[in-house]
Amino acid sequence: MLEGLLGNKSAEKVMLALYANKELHASAIAQMYDTALDPIKKQLERFEEAGFLVSRVVGRSRLYSFNEKSPIIGPLKELLAIAYKTEKKFQKRKQDHTPTRDL
């Protein structure tokens, strides 16, 4: 849903994952969406360079979260809330219409 606005599917995945979980590392996001780690890492780095995200190192992991000091984060979270609800409804409809097999 936000791919057109954010530029690519990895960007959408990163933002929706952080919206839902507040703070994550790159491999957790990649696992959530069953996708390659490298594009997720690159997108996280781009968003951090742009000032949308901040990170902190915990052990050997770098955890990312929204930069609450950025003036764009409030409006961005409003857009993400809409996209997140829409994605959840789509997933539920998809699950409800999945045919079951008798064993």
Protein backbone atom coordinates (compact mmCIF):
# COMPACT_ATOMS: atom_id res chain seq x y z
CA MET A 1 0.00 0.00 0.00
CA LEU A 2 2.78 2.48 0.85
CA GLU A 3 5.27 1.15 -1.68
CA GLY A 4 4.48 3.94 -4.14
CA LEU A 5 4.91 6.61 -1.49
CA LEU A 6 8.04 5.18 0.16
CA GLY A 7 9.72 4.06 -3.05
CA ASN A 8 9.97 0.31 -2.70
CA LYS A 9 8.62 -2.78 -0.95
CA SER A 10 11.56 -2.99 1.50
CA ALA A 11 10.85 0.52 2.71
CA GLU A 12 7.21 -0.36 3.31
CA LYS A 13 8.18 -3.52 5.21
CA VAL A 14 10.65 -1.64 7.41
CA MET A 15 8.20 1.09 8.32
CA LEU A 16 5.26 -1.23 9.00
CA ALA A 17 7.41 -3.56 11.10
CA LEU A 18 8.72 -0.68 13.19
CA TYR A 19 5.24 0.79 13.53
CA ALA A 20 3.95 -2.52 14.90
CA ASN A 21 6.95 -3.35 17.10
CA LYS A 22 8.51 0.01 18.09
CA GLU A 23 12.13 -1.28 17.98
CA LEU A 24 13.67 -4.07 15.89
CA HIS A 25 16.88 -5.27 14.33
CA ALA A 26 17.24 -5.91 10.60
CA SER A 27 17.15 -9.70 10.80
CA ALA A 28 13.88 -9.66 12.76
CA ILE A 29 12.25 -7.57 10.02
CA ALA A 30 13.62 -9.86 7.31
CA GLN A 31 12.28 -12.90 9.17
CA MET A 32 8.85 -11.31 9.66
CA TYR A 33 8.44 -10.90 5.92
CA ASP A 34 10.47 -13.94 4.87
CA THR A 35 12.71 -11.73 2.74
CA ALA A 36 16.42 -11.16 2.16
CA LEU A 37 18.35 -9.34 4.87
CA ASP A 38 20.48 -7.07 2.65
CA PRO A 39 17.66 -4.90 1.23
CA ILE A 40 16.22 -4.47 4.73
CA LYS A 41 19.60 -3.39 6.12
CA LYS A 42 20.12 -0.93 3.29
CA GLN A 43 16.68 0.58 3.80
CA LEU A 44 17.22 0.93 7.54
CA GLU A 45 20.51 2.73 6.88
CA ARG A 46 18.83 5.06 4.35
CA PHE A 47 16.06 5.95 6.78
CA GLU A 48 18.59 6.56 9.54
CA GLU A 49 20.68 8.81 7.27
CA ALA A 50 17.50 10.72 6.37
CA GLY A 51 16.76 11.25 10.06
CA PHE A 52 13.56 9.18 10.21
CA LEU A 53 15.12 6.42 12.33
CA VAL A 54 17.66 6.19 15.10
CA SER A 55 19.61 3.14 16.18
CA ARG A 56 21.44 1.83 19.18
CA VAL A 57 23.78 -1.09 19.59
CA VAL A 58 22.84 -3.79 22.08
CA GLY A 59 25.41 -6.56 22.22
CA ARG A 60 26.06 -7.49 18.62
CA SER A 61 22.74 -6.19 17.33
CA ARG A 62 21.75 -2.75 16.07
CA LEU A 63 18.19 -1.90 17.08
CA TYR A 64 16.24 0.65 15.05
CA SER A 65 13.30 2.81 16.10
CA PHE A 66 11.56 5.97 14.94
CA ASN A 67 13.37 9.26 15.55
CA GLU A 68 10.75 10.97 17.68
CA LYS A 69 12.61 14.28 17.27
CA SER A 70 11.90 14.33 13.54
CA PRO A 71 8.95 16.59 12.65
CA ILE A 72 7.75 14.13 10.01
CA ILE A 73 7.36 11.13 12.35
CA GLY A 74 3.92 12.13 13.66
CA PRO A 75 2.32 12.39 10.21
CA LEU A 76 4.24 9.31 9.04
CA LYS A 77 2.84 7.25 11.92
CA GLU A 78 -0.67 8.39 10.98
CA LEU A 79 -0.14 7.06 7.45
CA LEU A 80 1.38 3.87 8.82
CA ALA A 81 -1.62 3.35 11.11
CA ILE A 82 -3.94 3.43 8.09
CA ALA A 83 -1.71 1.10 6.08
CA TYR A 84 -1.27 -1.28 9.03
CA LYS A 85 -5.04 -1.59 9.57
CA THR A 86 -5.58 -2.13 5.86
CA GLU A 87 -2.89 -4.81 5.72
CA LYS A 88 -4.38 -6.61 8.73
CA LYS A 89 -7.86 -6.58 7.16
CA PHE A 90 -6.44 -7.90 3.89
CA GLN A 91 -4.59 -10.71 5.69
CA LYS A 92 -7.72 -11.65 7.65
CA ARG A 93 -9.85 -11.76 4.49
CA LYS A 94 -7.19 -13.85 2.81
CA GLN A 95 -7.16 -16.31 5.73
CA ASP A 96 -10.97 -16.45 5.89
CA HIS A 97 -11.13 -17.39 2.21
CA THR A 98 -8.38 -20.01 2.32
CA PRO A 99 -9.97 -23.35 1.47
CA THR A 100 -9.49 -26.07 4.06
CA ARG A 101 -8.61 -29.60 3.12
CA ASP A 102 -10.08 -32.64 4.78
CA LEU A 103 -7.45 -35.04 5.96
